Amino acid sequence: MTMMDTDQRIHDRLQELAGEIERLTDQEGIQPTQIPSLSLIRNSEVTNAIHMIYEPAICLVAQGRKQVMLGQESYEYGPLDYFLVSVDLPISGQVIEADRDHPYLAVRLALDPAQILEMVQETELQAAAAPAKRALCVSRTDLGLTDAILRLVRLLETPDHIEVLAPLLIREILYRIWQDQQGDILRQLAVTGSSTSRVAGVIKHIKQYYDQPLRVEELAAAGSMSSSSLHRYFKEVTGMSPLQYQKQVRLQEARRLLLSEAADAAEVGYRVGYESPSQFSREYARLFGLPPISDMKRLRECPVVI
């Protein structure tokens, strides 16, 4: 089979996947399904940048295009690409190609490190330690992976079979990513003591104590690494320093609180760890484009669909 034939078959599968997503979604944004780790995404127009902590997942686009930013790094993906994140990362994403006739349609499958480890243990796959690398990538999909994801989505049509067949299909998807050229990102989660797994421990600590001052010794202990290795590994995996990561978590939590509670900006800033209201307002505007009060006004007038 030639590469052109393979690409055509992948394209055909993606068109089938787009049709399934359109049929199964009745509103904009991310929609959960009867398979707990599987979500379907639909956006009928280009969106503004949406900030979130993106948890480990694979996203396959069936139609349209999206751009994500990790710090100053930009990643763009569309049909024939999949987007993979292996640790919790603060990113911003926006749909850059979509309209009513051709909406952005995608599948998101949450990745569970425990499932990856179980697959490795039961199949005796080899996962050797490797140098730290960015826990995010855009990679070209192949026919096997696209077909497995399509079959998982089609399983929603027969709910009685989900309990038995969904775990098998998810394992196939994990296996196919494992064997891909970007499989190192996944493999490092299964290596005890790898730089990625250690950084994941540091991330968990920062998220739990995001409103407290960072202490290098505590972060290093959380990742079972030396203080000298902490910043190097953290930057290699996440693209930012621990302090920059904490700032993103603080500001995104502040935005959530401002939207969900009747609290003023100074109070929210204090709750997420800022002692200076002016510093909070400055850093908030730098991330979201407007200071807190103006941003809340914009969001309430034009709610963001995620």
C-alpha atoms as a PDB file:
ATOM      1  CA  MET A   1       0.000   0.000   0.000  1.00  0.00           C
ATOM      2  CA  THR A   2       1.422   3.396  -0.985  1.00  0.00           C
ATOM      3  CA  MET A   3       1.605   6.368   1.387  1.00  0.00           C
ATOM      4  CA  MET A   4      -1.035   8.090  -0.748  1.00  0.00           C
ATOM      5  CA  ASP A   5      -3.386   5.113  -0.320  1.00  0.00           C
ATOM      6  CA  THR A   6      -2.774   5.086   3.431  1.00  0.00           C
ATOM      7  CA  ASP A   7      -3.430   8.824   3.733  1.00  0.00           C
ATOM      8  CA  GLN A   8      -6.691   8.399   1.829  1.00  0.00           C
ATOM      9  CA  ARG A   9      -7.805   5.629   4.164  1.00  0.00           C
ATOM     10  CA  ILE A  10      -6.954   7.778   7.197  1.00  0.00           C
ATOM     11  CA  HIS A  11      -8.883  10.660   5.626  1.00  0.00           C
ATOM     12  CA  ASP A  12     -11.887   8.382   5.087  1.00  0.00           C
ATOM     13  CA  ARG A  13     -11.775   7.278   8.747  1.00  0.00           C
ATOM     14  CA  LEU A  14     -11.588  10.892   9.887  1.00  0.00           C
ATOM     15  CA  GLN A  15     -14.634  11.769   7.782  1.00  0.00           C
ATOM     16  CA  GLU A  16     -16.503   8.882   9.419  1.00  0.00           C
ATOM     17  CA  LEU A  17     -15.330  10.109  12.835  1.00  0.00           C
ATOM     18  CA  ALA A  18     -16.520  13.652  12.052  1.00  0.00           C
ATOM     19  CA  GLY A  19     -19.926  12.273  11.119  1.00  0.00           C
ATOM     20  CA  GLU A  20     -20.135  10.324  14.398  1.00  0.00           C
ATOM     21  CA  ILE A  21     -19.186  13.390  16.470  1.00  0.00           C
ATOM     22  CA  GLU A  22     -21.732  15.585  14.663  1.00  0.00           C
ATOM     23  CA  ARG A  23     -24.456  13.034  15.253  1.00  0.00           C
ATOM     24  CA  LEU A  24     -23.598  12.510  18.922  1.00  0.00           C
ATOM     25  CA  THR A  25     -23.161  16.182  19.934  1.00  0.00           C
ATOM     26  CA  ASP A  26     -26.062  18.573  20.376  1.00  0.00           C
ATOM     27  CA  GLN A  27     -24.286  21.612  21.832  1.00  0.00           C
ATOM     28  CA  GLU A  28     -21.055  23.575  21.688  1.00  0.00           C
ATOM     29  CA  GLY A  29     -17.943  22.813  23.691  1.00  0.00           C
ATOM     30  CA  ILE A  30     -16.687  19.703  25.438  1.00  0.00           C
ATOM     31  CA  GLN A  31     -19.310  17.038  26.027  1.00  0.00           C
ATOM     32  CA  PRO A  32     -18.836  13.982  28.275  1.00  0.00           C
ATOM     33  CA  THR A  33     -19.909  10.539  27.118  1.00  0.00           C
ATOM     34  CA  GLN A  34     -20.911   7.224  28.687  1.00  0.00           C
ATOM     35  CA  ILE A  35     -17.250   6.251  28.483  1.00  0.00           C
ATOM     36  CA  PRO A  36     -15.876   8.243  31.455  1.00  0.00           C
ATOM     37  CA  SER A  37     -12.477   9.065  29.932  1.00  0.00           C
ATOM     38  CA  LEU A  38     -13.893   9.985  26.505  1.00  0.00           C
ATOM     39  CA  SER A  39     -15.174  13.451  25.560  1.00  0.00           C
ATOM     40  CA  LEU A  40     -16.431  14.817  22.243  1.00  0.00           C
ATOM     41  CA  ILE A  41     -15.699  18.404  21.229  1.00  0.00           C
ATOM     42  CA  ARG A  42     -17.647  20.643  18.886  1.00  0.00           C
ATOM     43  CA  ASN A  43     -17.143  24.341  18.074  1.00  0.00           C
ATOM     44  CA  SER A  44     -19.024  25.987  15.220  1.00  0.00           C
ATOM     45  CA  GLU A  45     -16.901  29.128  15.144  1.00  0.00           C
ATOM     46  CA  VAL A  46     -13.392  30.349  15.781  1.00  0.00           C
ATOM     47  CA  THR A  47     -12.811  30.947  19.512  1.00  0.00           C
ATOM     48  CA  ASN A  48     -10.724  33.241  21.665  1.00  0.00           C
ATOM     49  CA  ALA A  49      -7.863  31.708  23.644  1.00  0.00           C
ATOM     50  CA  ILE A  50      -9.127  29.558  26.526  1.00  0.00           C
ATOM     51  CA  HIS A  51      -6.787  29.055  29.499  1.00  0.00           C
ATOM     52  CA  MET A  52      -6.872  25.793  31.413  1.00  0.00           C
ATOM     53  CA  ILE A  53      -4.795  23.199  33.207  1.00  0.00           C
ATOM     54  CA  TYR A  54      -4.762  20.473  30.578  1.00  0.00           C
ATOM     55  CA  GLU A  55      -4.594  17.045  32.181  1.00  0.00           C
ATOM     56  CA  PRO A  56      -2.937  14.034  30.492  1.00  0.00           C
ATOM     57  CA  ALA A  57      -4.881  13.221  27.329  1.00  0.00           C
ATOM     58  CA  ILE A  58      -4.784  12.538  23.631  1.00  0.00           C
ATOM     59  CA  CYS A  59      -6.871  14.688  21.284  1.00  0.00           C
ATOM     60  CA  LEU A  60      -7.561  13.655  17.690  1.00  0.00           C
ATOM     61  CA  VAL A  61      -9.082  16.240  15.370  1.00  0.00           C
ATOM     62  CA  ALA A  62     -11.582  15.010  12.783  1.00  0.00           C
ATOM     63  CA  GLN A  63     -12.363  18.436  11.285  1.00  0.00           C
ATOM     64  CA  GLY A  64     -11.083  21.998  11.715  1.00  0.00           C
ATOM     65  CA  ARG A  65      -7.861  23.264  13.317  1.00  0.00           C
ATOM     66  CA  LYS A  66      -6.694  24.344  16.758  1.00  0.00           C
ATOM     67  CA  GLN A  67      -3.708  26.203  18.187  1.00  0.00           C
ATOM     68  CA  VAL A  68      -2.366  25.810  21.709  1.00  0.00           C
ATOM     69  CA  MET A  69       0.247  27.818  23.583  1.00  0.00           C
ATOM     70  CA  LEU A  70       2.527  26.490  26.302  1.00  0.00           C
ATOM     71  CA  GLY A  71       4.360  29.535  27.601  1.00  0.00           C
ATOM     72  CA  GLN A  72       5.879  31.037  24.453  1.00  0.00           C
ATOM     73  CA  GLU A  73       5.699  27.787  22.467  1.00  0.00           C
ATOM     74  CA  SER A  74       2.993  27.429  19.821  1.00  0.00           C
ATOM     75  CA  TYR A  75       1.519  24.150  18.561  1.00  0.00           C
ATOM     76  CA  GLU A  76      -1.021  23.835  15.749  1.00  0.00           C
ATOM     77  CA  TYR A  77      -2.911  20.695  14.781  1.00  0.00           C
ATOM     78  CA  GLY A  78      -5.775  19.531  12.586  1.00  0.00           C
ATOM     79  CA  PRO A  79      -6.920  16.401  10.728  1.00  0.00           C
ATOM     80  CA  LEU A  80      -4.098  13.837  10.351  1.00  0.00           C
ATOM     81  CA  ASP A  81      -2.598  15.102  13.654  1.00  0.00           C
ATOM     82  CA  TYR A  82      -3.053  14.134  17.261  1.00  0.00           C
ATOM     83  CA  PHE A  83      -2.173  16.208  20.306  1.00  0.00           C
ATOM     84  CA  LEU A  84      -0.674  14.446  23.338  1.00  0.00           C
ATOM     85  CA  VAL A  85      -0.090  15.732  26.885  1.00  0.00           C
ATOM     86  CA  SER A  86       1.421  13.445  29.528  1.00  0.00           C
ATOM     87  CA  VAL A  87       1.430  15.657  32.664  1.00  0.00           C
ATOM     88  CA  ASP A  88      -0.815  18.495  33.888  1.00  0.00           C
ATOM     89  CA  LEU A  89       0.155  21.579  31.882  1.00  0.00           C
ATOM     90  CA  PRO A  90      -1.227  25.145  31.971  1.00  0.00           C
ATOM     91  CA  ILE A  91      -1.944  25.938  28.346  1.00  0.00           C
ATOM     92  CA  SER A  92      -4.165  28.219  26.309  1.00  0.00           C
ATOM     93  CA  GLY A  93      -5.981  26.896  23.270  1.00  0.00           C
ATOM     94  CA  GLN A  94      -8.179  28.338  20.564  1.00  0.00           C
ATOM     95  CA  VAL A  95     -10.030  26.969  17.579  1.00  0.00           C
ATOM     96  CA  ILE A  96      -8.600  28.712  14.508  1.00  0.00           C
ATOM     97  CA  GLU A  97     -10.584  26.999  11.742  1.00  0.00           C
ATOM     98  CA  ALA A  98     -14.330  26.353  12.086  1.00  0.00           C
ATOM     99  CA  ASP A  99     -17.710  27.577  10.856  1.00  0.00           C
ATOM    100  CA  ARG A 100     -21.351  26.486  10.996  1.00  0.00           C
ATOM    101  CA  ASP A 101     -21.046  24.312   7.906  1.00  0.00           C
ATOM    102  CA  HIS A 102     -17.712  22.793   8.940  1.00  0.00           C
ATOM    103  CA  PRO A 103     -17.425  22.916  12.749  1.00  0.00           C
ATOM    104  CA  TYR A 104     -14.335  21.978  14.682  1.00  0.00           C
ATOM    105  CA  LEU A 105     -14.851  18.343  15.702  1.00  0.00           C
ATOM    106  CA  ALA A 106     -12.483  16.388  17.920  1.00  0.00           C
ATOM    107  CA  VAL A 107     -12.176  13.504  20.356  1.00  0.00           C
ATOM    108  CA  ARG A 108     -10.424  13.803  23.719  1.00  0.00           C
ATOM    109  CA  LEU A 109      -9.368  10.694  25.618  1.00  0.00           C
ATOM    110  CA  ALA A 110      -8.042  11.234  29.139  1.00  0.00           C
ATOM    111  CA  LEU A 111      -4.909   9.233  29.884  1.00  0.00           C
ATOM    112  CA  ASP A 112      -4.597   7.371  33.166  1.00  0.00           C
ATOM    113  CA  PRO A 113      -0.963   6.610  34.151  1.00  0.00           C
ATOM    114  CA  ALA A 114      -2.251   3.594  36.104  1.00  0.00           C
ATOM    115  CA  GLN A 115      -3.685   2.117  32.880  1.00  0.00           C
ATOM    116  CA  ILE A 116      -0.362   2.659  31.127  1.00  0.00           C
ATOM    117  CA  LEU A 117       1.543   0.941  33.930  1.00  0.00           C
ATOM    118  CA  GLU A 118      -0.948  -1.952  33.954  1.00  0.00           C
ATOM    119  CA  MET A 119      -0.539  -2.397  30.192  1.00  0.00           C
ATOM    120  CA  VAL A 120       3.239  -2.450  30.557  1.00  0.00           C
ATOM    121  CA  GLN A 121       3.177  -4.978  33.390  1.00  0.00           C
ATOM    122  CA  GLU A 122       0.742  -7.349  31.702  1.00  0.00           C
ATOM    123  CA  THR A 123       2.331  -7.237  28.255  1.00  0.00           C
ATOM    124  CA  GLU A 124       5.968  -6.960  29.374  1.00  0.00           C
ATOM    125  CA  LEU A 125       6.580  -3.961  27.149  1.00  0.00           C
ATOM    126  CA  GLN A 126      10.014  -2.420  27.589  1.00  0.00           C
ATOM    127  CA  ALA A 127      10.173   1.098  28.997  1.00  0.00           C
ATOM    128  CA  ALA A 128      13.760   2.261  29.343  1.00  0.00           C
ATOM    129  CA  ALA A 129      14.718   5.528  31.012  1.00  0.00           C
ATOM    130  CA  ALA A 130      15.366   8.374  28.569  1.00  0.00           C
ATOM    131  CA  PRO A 131      16.382  12.029  28.815  1.00  0.00           C
ATOM    132  CA  ALA A 132      13.674  14.439  29.912  1.00  0.00           C
ATOM    133  CA  LYS A 133      11.610  15.892  27.088  1.00  0.00           C
ATOM    134  CA  ARG A 134       8.598  18.153  26.716  1.00  0.00           C
ATOM    135  CA  ALA A 135       5.426  16.469  28.011  1.00  0.00           C
ATOM    136  CA  LEU A 136       3.443  17.771  25.040  1.00  0.00           C
ATOM    137  CA  CYS A 137       3.618  17.031  21.348  1.00  0.00           C
ATOM    138  CA  VAL A 138       1.752  17.161  18.069  1.00  0.00           C
ATOM    139  CA  SER A 139       2.277  14.033  15.987  1.00  0.00           C
ATOM    140  CA  ARG A 140       0.930  12.600  12.762  1.00  0.00           C
ATOM    141  CA  THR A 141      -1.737   9.962  13.310  1.00  0.00           C
ATOM    142  CA  ASP A 142      -1.667   6.620  11.531  1.00  0.00           C
ATOM    143  CA  LEU A 143      -4.363   4.300  10.245  1.00  0.00           C
ATOM    144  CA  GLY A 144      -4.298   1.958  13.248  1.00  0.00           C
ATOM    145  CA  LEU A 145      -4.667   4.722  15.840  1.00  0.00           C
ATOM    146  CA  THR A 146      -7.370   6.542  13.868  1.00  0.00           C
ATOM    147  CA  ASP A 147      -9.325   3.335  13.373  1.00  0.00           C
ATOM    148  CA  ALA A 148      -9.087   2.415  17.084  1.00  0.00           C
ATOM    149  CA  ILE A 149     -10.408   5.827  18.148  1.00  0.00           C
ATOM    150  CA  LEU A 150     -13.230   5.597  15.601  1.00  0.00           C
ATOM    151  CA  ARG A 151     -14.231   2.193  16.990  1.00  0.00           C
ATOM    152  CA  LEU A 152     -14.200   3.585  20.534  1.00  0.00           C
ATOM    153  CA  VAL A 153     -16.553   6.423  19.529  1.00  0.00           C
ATOM    154  CA  ARG A 154     -18.836   4.017  17.672  1.00  0.00           C
ATOM    155  CA  LEU A 155     -19.082   1.983  20.858  1.00  0.00           C
ATOM    156  CA  LEU A 156     -21.298   4.790  22.211  1.00  0.00           C
ATOM    157  CA  GLU A 157     -24.010   3.459  19.893  1.00  0.00           C
ATOM    158  CA  THR A 158     -24.143   0.183  21.874  1.00  0.00           C
ATOM    159  CA  PRO A 159     -23.973   1.196  25.569  1.00  0.00           C
ATOM    160  CA  ASP A 160     -24.456  -2.383  26.779  1.00  0.00           C
ATOM    161  CA  HIS A 161     -21.028  -3.262  25.329  1.00  0.00           C
ATOM    162  CA  ILE A 162     -19.095  -0.338  26.838  1.00  0.00           C
ATOM    163  CA  GLU A 163     -18.144  -1.989  30.128  1.00  0.00           C
ATOM    164  CA  VAL A 164     -16.451  -4.931  28.407  1.00  0.00           C
ATOM    165  CA  LEU A 165     -15.116  -3.456  25.163  1.00  0.00           C
ATOM    166  CA  ALA A 166     -14.107   0.119  26.103  1.00  0.00           C
ATOM    167  CA  PRO A 167     -11.125  -0.962  28.271  1.00  0.00           C
ATOM    168  CA  LEU A 168      -9.857  -3.149  25.420  1.00  0.00           C
ATOM    169  CA  LEU A 169     -10.090  -0.349  22.872  1.00  0.00           C
ATOM    170  CA  ILE A 170      -8.459   2.155  25.245  1.00  0.00           C
ATOM    171  CA  ARG A 171      -5.597  -0.274  25.778  1.00  0.00           C
ATOM    172  CA  GLU A 172      -5.209  -0.611  22.000  1.00  0.00           C
ATOM    173  CA  ILE A 173      -5.050   3.191  21.689  1.00  0.00           C
ATOM    174  CA  LEU A 174      -2.414   3.408  24.431  1.00  0.00           C
ATOM    175  CA  TYR A 175      -0.420   0.636  22.777  1.00  0.00           C
ATOM    176  CA  ARG A 176      -0.485   2.342  19.383  1.00  0.00           C
ATOM    177  CA  ILE A 177       0.710   5.635  20.895  1.00  0.00           C
ATOM    178  CA  TRP A 178       3.371   3.685  22.793  1.00  0.00           C
ATOM    179  CA  GLN A 179       4.683   2.312  19.479  1.00  0.00           C
ATOM    180  CA  ASP A 180       4.563   5.720  17.760  1.00  0.00           C
ATOM    181  CA  GLN A 181       7.601   7.939  17.171  1.00  0.00           C
ATOM    182  CA  GLN A 182       6.393  10.116  20.079  1.00  0.00           C
ATOM    183  CA  GLY A 183       5.899   7.119  22.336  1.00  0.00           C
ATOM    184  CA  ASP A 184       8.754   8.219  24.611  1.00  0.00           C
ATOM    185  CA  ILE A 185       6.410  10.803  26.128  1.00  0.00           C
ATOM    186  CA  LEU A 186       4.066   8.004  27.180  1.00  0.00           C
ATOM    187  CA  ARG A 187       6.803   5.538  28.070  1.00  0.00           C
ATOM    188  CA  GLN A 188       8.373   7.872  30.613  1.00  0.00           C
ATOM    189  CA  LEU A 189       5.202   7.722  32.713  1.00  0.00           C
ATOM    190  CA  ALA A 190       5.767   3.992  33.142  1.00  0.00           C
ATOM    191  CA  VAL A 191       9.403   4.301  34.267  1.00  0.00           C
ATOM    192  CA  THR A 192       9.700   4.604  38.029  1.00  0.00           C
ATOM    193  CA  GLY A 193      12.072   7.445  38.814  1.00  0.00           C
ATOM    194  CA  SER A 194      12.091   8.916  35.289  1.00  0.00           C
ATOM    195  CA  SER A 195      12.449  12.677  35.062  1.00  0.00           C
ATOM    196  CA  THR A 196       8.867  12.955  33.788  1.00  0.00           C
ATOM    197  CA  SER A 197       7.399  10.962  36.677  1.00  0.00           C
ATOM    198  CA  ARG A 198       9.453  13.018  39.145  1.00  0.00           C
ATOM    199  CA  VAL A 199       8.264  16.277  37.632  1.00  0.00           C
ATOM    200  CA  ALA A 200       4.699  14.945  37.843  1.00  0.00           C
ATOM    201  CA  GLY A 201       5.247  14.618  41.596  1.00  0.00           C
ATOM    202  CA  VAL A 202       6.408  18.234  41.799  1.00  0.00           C
ATOM    203  CA  ILE A 203       3.385  19.373  39.773  1.00  0.00           C
ATOM    204  CA  LYS A 204       1.047  17.549  42.146  1.00  0.00           C
ATOM    205  CA  HIS A 205       2.668  19.352  45.088  1.00  0.00           C
ATOM    206  CA  ILE A 206       2.430  22.783  43.432  1.00  0.00           C
ATOM    207  CA  LYS A 207      -1.241  22.266  42.568  1.00  0.00           C
ATOM    208  CA  GLN A 208      -2.043  21.155  46.105  1.00  0.00           C
ATOM    209  CA  TYR A 209      -0.234  24.077  47.759  1.00  0.00           C
ATOM    210  CA  TYR A 210      -0.496  26.670  44.984  1.00  0.00           C
ATOM    211  CA  ASP A 211      -1.475  29.455  47.412  1.00  0.00           C
ATOM    212  CA  GLN A 212       1.638  28.949  49.569  1.00  0.00           C
ATOM    213  CA  PRO A 213       5.181  30.275  48.992  1.00  0.00           C
ATOM    214  CA  LEU A 214       7.334  27.862  46.997  1.00  0.00           C
ATOM    215  CA  ARG A 215      10.120  26.179  48.943  1.00  0.00           C
ATOM    216  CA  VAL A 216      12.789  24.553  46.822  1.00  0.00           C
ATOM    217  CA  GLU A 217      13.533  21.864  49.397  1.00  0.00           C
ATOM    218  CA  GLU A 218       9.887  20.780  49.536  1.00  0.00           C
ATOM    219  CA  LEU A 219       9.562  20.703  45.754  1.00  0.00           C
ATOM    220  CA  ALA A 220      12.742  18.679  45.387  1.00  0.00           C
ATOM    221  CA  ALA A 221      11.507  16.211  48.014  1.00  0.00           C
ATOM    222  CA  ALA A 222       8.137  15.909  46.245  1.00  0.00           C
ATOM    223  CA  GLY A 223       9.977  14.905  43.073  1.00  0.00           C
ATOM    224  CA  SER A 224      12.624  12.769  44.781  1.00  0.00           C
ATOM    225  CA  MET A 225      15.379  14.794  43.157  1.00  0.00           C
ATOM    226  CA  SER A 226      18.117  17.175  44.183  1.00  0.00           C
ATOM    227  CA  SER A 227      17.519  20.923  44.266  1.00  0.00           C
ATOM    228  CA  SER A 228      20.050  21.340  41.450  1.00  0.00           C
ATOM    229  CA  SER A 229      18.081  18.954  39.186  1.00  0.00           C
ATOM    230  CA  LEU A 230      14.660  20.398  40.008  1.00  0.00           C
ATOM    231  CA  HIS A 231      14.658  23.492  37.768  1.00  0.00           C
ATOM    232  CA  ARG A 232      16.406  21.772  34.845  1.00  0.00           C
ATOM    233  CA  TYR A 233      14.036  18.796  34.686  1.00  0.00           C
ATOM    234  CA  PHE A 234      10.951  20.901  35.382  1.00  0.00           C
ATOM    235  CA  LYS A 235      11.809  23.320  32.558  1.00  0.00           C
ATOM    236  CA  GLU A 236      12.569  20.485  30.130  1.00  0.00           C
ATOM    237  CA  VAL A 237       9.248  18.746  30.795  1.00  0.00           C
ATOM    238  CA  THR A 238       6.871  21.723  31.191  1.00  0.00           C
ATOM    239  CA  GLY A 239       8.601  24.537  29.312  1.00  0.00           C
ATOM    240  CA  MET A 240       8.535  26.803  32.386  1.00  0.00           C
ATOM    241  CA  SER A 241       9.981  27.180  35.863  1.00  0.00           C
ATOM    242  CA  PRO A 242       8.138  25.964  38.997  1.00  0.00           C
ATOM    243  CA  LEU A 243       7.407  29.601  39.893  1.00  0.00           C
ATOM    244  CA  GLN A 244       5.921  30.310  36.450  1.00  0.00           C
ATOM    245  CA  TYR A 245       3.824  27.150  36.725  1.00  0.00           C
ATOM    246  CA  GLN A 246       2.529  28.183  40.149  1.00  0.00           C
ATOM    247  CA  LYS A 247       1.635  31.615  38.800  1.00  0.00           C
ATOM    248  CA  GLN A 248      -0.453  30.050  36.020  1.00  0.00           C
ATOM    249  CA  VAL A 249      -2.281  27.813  38.513  1.00  0.00           C
ATOM    250  CA  ARG A 250      -2.943  30.763  40.839  1.00  0.00           C
ATOM    251  CA  LEU A 251      -4.298  33.011  38.105  1.00  0.00           C
ATOM    252  CA  GLN A 252      -6.515  30.347  36.549  1.00  0.00           C
ATOM    253  CA  GLU A 253      -7.961  29.510  39.962  1.00  0.00           C
ATOM    254  CA  ALA A 254      -8.514  33.232  40.595  1.00  0.00           C
ATOM    255  CA  ARG A 255     -10.433  33.541  37.345  1.00  0.00           C
ATOM    256  CA  ARG A 256     -12.609  30.571  38.292  1.00  0.00           C
ATOM    257  CA  LEU A 257     -13.351  32.091  41.701  1.00  0.00           C
ATOM    258  CA  LEU A 258     -14.210  35.479  40.221  1.00  0.00           C
ATOM    259  CA  LEU A 259     -16.671  33.841  37.826  1.00  0.00           C
ATOM    260  CA  SER A 260     -18.303  31.580  40.407  1.00  0.00           C
ATOM    261  CA  GLU A 261     -18.402  33.760  43.519  1.00  0.00           C
ATOM    262  CA  ALA A 262     -19.425  37.299  44.415  1.00  0.00           C
ATOM    263  CA  ALA A 263     -15.956  38.273  45.647  1.00  0.00           C
ATOM    264  CA  ASP A 264     -13.862  41.305  44.790  1.00  0.00           C
ATOM    265  CA  ALA A 265     -10.530  41.039  42.997  1.00  0.00           C
ATOM    266  CA  ALA A 266      -8.360  41.935  45.990  1.00  0.00           C
ATOM    267  CA  GLU A 267      -9.958  39.233  48.135  1.00  0.00           C
ATOM    268  CA  VAL A 268      -9.576  36.597  45.425  1.00  0.00           C
ATOM    269  CA  GLY A 269      -5.967  37.625  44.835  1.00  0.00           C
ATOM    270  CA  TYR A 270      -5.248  37.141  48.519  1.00  0.00           C
ATOM    271  CA  ARG A 271      -6.975  33.734  48.545  1.00  0.00           C
ATOM    272  CA  VAL A 272      -4.800  32.401  45.724  1.00  0.00           C
ATOM    273  CA  GLY A 273      -1.588  33.595  47.352  1.00  0.00           C
ATOM    274  CA  TYR A 274      -0.992  37.200  46.310  1.00  0.00           C
ATOM    275  CA  GLU A 275      -0.173  39.701  49.050  1.00  0.00           C
ATOM    276  CA  SER A 276      -0.263  42.715  46.726  1.00  0.00           C
ATOM    277  CA  PRO A 277      -3.545  43.561  44.903  1.00  0.00           C
ATOM    278  CA  SER A 278      -1.645  45.623  42.347  1.00  0.00           C
ATOM    279  CA  GLN A 279       0.713  42.734  41.546  1.00  0.00           C
ATOM    280  CA  PHE A 280      -2.262  40.378  41.242  1.00  0.00           C
ATOM    281  CA  SER A 281      -4.071  42.746  38.864  1.00  0.00           C
ATOM    282  CA  ARG A 282      -0.905  43.274  36.806  1.00  0.00           C
ATOM    283  CA  GLU A 283      -0.141  39.569  36.394  1.00  0.00           C
ATOM    284  CA  TYR A 284      -3.804  38.738  35.778  1.00  0.00           C
ATOM    285  CA  ALA A 285      -3.945  41.283  32.920  1.00  0.00           C
ATOM    286  CA  ARG A 286      -0.688  39.969  31.492  1.00  0.00           C
ATOM    287  CA  LEU A 287      -2.125  36.444  31.222  1.00  0.00           C
ATOM    288  CA  PHE A 288      -5.768  37.132  30.302  1.00  0.00           C
ATOM    289  CA  GLY A 289      -5.417  40.425  28.428  1.00  0.00           C
ATOM    290  CA  LEU A 290      -7.532  42.526  30.812  1.00  0.00           C
ATOM    291  CA  PRO A 291      -7.489  43.306  34.559  1.00  0.00           C
ATOM    292  CA  PRO A 292      -9.908  41.228  36.695  1.00  0.00           C
ATOM    293  CA  ILE A 293     -12.957  43.537  36.677  1.00  0.00           C
ATOM    294  CA  SER A 294     -12.807  44.186  32.924  1.00  0.00           C
ATOM    295  CA  ASP A 295     -12.193  40.491  32.220  1.00  0.00           C
ATOM    296  CA  MET A 296     -15.248  39.477  34.268  1.00  0.00           C
ATOM    297  CA  LYS A 297     -17.396  41.980  32.389  1.00  0.00           C
ATOM    298  CA  ARG A 298     -16.194  40.571  29.058  1.00  0.00           C
ATOM    299  CA  LEU A 299     -16.754  36.955  30.099  1.00  0.00           C
ATOM    300  CA  ARG A 300     -20.263  37.591  31.424  1.00  0.00           C
ATOM    301  CA  GLU A 301     -21.241  39.380  28.221  1.00  0.00           C
ATOM    302  CA  CYS A 302     -19.643  36.743  25.989  1.00  0.00           C
ATOM    303  CA  PRO A 303     -19.341  33.449  27.918  1.00  0.00           C
ATOM    304  CA  VAL A 304     -16.499  31.192  26.841  1.00  0.00           C
ATOM    305  CA  VAL A 305     -17.533  27.697  25.722  1.00  0.00           C
ATOM    306  CA  ILE A 306     -14.932  25.092  26.592  1.00  0.00           C
END
